[in-house]
Amino acid sequence: MGIWAIIPLFFIVTTAIVFHFSWANEILYNAYSEEPPLPRQKRGSVDLVDAKQTYEALFNVAKQHAVENGADDWHQCG
């Protein structure tokens, strides 16, 4: 059983290496003569004043985030 488990584990480990380490990801892209994509920009967090924020304000932030990411109808039913 251990010998047969090596085959799928090899593919799982190599996939994890490419996802986790940037140097492995760059090697993969360079092997196919592709340009690696730029890292995504992280959006800042919502400022909480004294840890109190109204639900309406948080909901408006969530709706704005959805519009910016192409999912502007996520809060509608049906």
Protein backbone atom coordinates (compact mmCIF):
# COMPACT_ATOMS: atom_id res chain seq x y z
CA MET A 1 0.00 0.00 0.00
CA GLY A 2 2.83 2.38 0.83
CA ILE A 3 4.45 1.98 -2.58
CA TRP A 4 1.17 2.78 -4.38
CA ALA A 5 0.55 5.79 -2.16
CA ILE A 6 3.78 7.40 -3.41
CA ILE A 7 2.30 8.11 -6.84
CA PRO A 8 -0.66 10.30 -5.77
CA LEU A 9 1.36 11.85 -2.94
CA PHE A 10 4.02 12.93 -5.43
CA PHE A 11 1.42 14.87 -7.43
CA ILE A 12 -0.14 16.36 -4.31
CA VAL A 13 3.22 17.53 -2.98
CA THR A 14 4.38 19.02 -6.30
CA THR A 15 1.09 20.90 -6.64
CA ALA A 16 1.42 22.24 -3.10
CA ILE A 17 5.00 23.34 -3.78
CA VAL A 18 3.89 25.37 -6.81
CA PHE A 19 1.07 27.01 -4.85
CA HIS A 20 3.10 27.76 -1.73
CA PHE A 21 6.54 28.81 -2.95
CA SER A 22 6.88 31.75 -5.33
CA TRP A 23 10.16 30.43 -6.76
CA ALA A 24 8.45 27.21 -7.86
CA ASN A 25 5.57 29.17 -9.36
CA GLU A 26 8.03 31.32 -11.34
CA ILE A 27 9.83 28.21 -12.61
CA LEU A 28 6.52 26.79 -13.84
CA TYR A 29 5.58 30.01 -15.64
CA ASN A 30 9.06 30.34 -17.17
CA ALA A 31 8.92 26.74 -18.41
CA TYR A 32 5.90 27.71 -20.54
CA SER A 33 7.32 31.15 -21.48
CA GLU A 34 4.53 32.92 -19.63
CA GLU A 35 4.66 36.02 -17.47
CA PRO A 36 3.53 35.36 -13.88
CA PRO A 37 0.49 37.42 -12.86
CA LEU A 38 0.95 40.29 -10.46
CA PRO A 39 -0.15 39.72 -6.88
CA ARG A 40 -3.66 40.86 -6.02
CA GLN A 41 -3.99 44.08 -4.08
CA LYS A 42 -5.53 43.59 -0.67
CA ARG A 43 -8.28 45.97 0.31
CA GLY A 44 -8.00 47.74 3.64
CA SER A 45 -10.23 46.74 6.50
CA VAL A 46 -13.24 48.72 7.65
CA ASP A 47 -12.42 51.10 10.44
CA LEU A 48 -14.38 50.30 13.56
CA VAL A 49 -14.89 53.23 15.89
CA ASP A 50 -14.72 51.90 19.44
CA ALA A 51 -15.58 48.46 17.99
CA LYS A 52 -19.09 49.75 17.20
CA GLN A 53 -20.30 49.78 13.61
CA THR A 54 -23.91 49.72 12.49
CA TYR A 55 -25.14 46.75 10.52
CA GLU A 56 -26.32 49.11 7.78
CA ALA A 57 -22.81 50.53 7.35
CA LEU A 58 -21.27 47.06 7.23
CA PHE A 59 -23.93 45.94 4.74
CA ASN A 60 -23.17 48.93 2.51
CA VAL A 61 -19.47 48.05 2.58
CA ALA A 62 -20.32 44.45 1.62
CA LYS A 63 -22.53 45.64 -1.27
CA GLN A 64 -19.80 47.97 -2.54
CA HIS A 65 -17.25 45.14 -2.37
CA ALA A 66 -19.62 42.89 -4.33
CA VAL A 67 -20.14 45.54 -7.03
CA GLU A 68 -16.37 46.02 -7.38
CA ASN A 69 -15.88 42.26 -7.81
CA GLY A 70 -18.70 41.57 -10.28
CA ALA A 71 -21.20 39.99 -7.88
CA ASP A 72 -23.54 42.92 -7.38
CA ASP A 73 -26.69 40.76 -7.19
CA TRP A 74 -25.49 38.50 -4.35
CA HIS A 75 -27.91 39.97 -1.78
CA GLN A 76 -31.07 39.51 -3.84
CA CYS A 77 -33.32 36.48 -3.53
CA GLY A 78 -34.55 34.59 -6.56
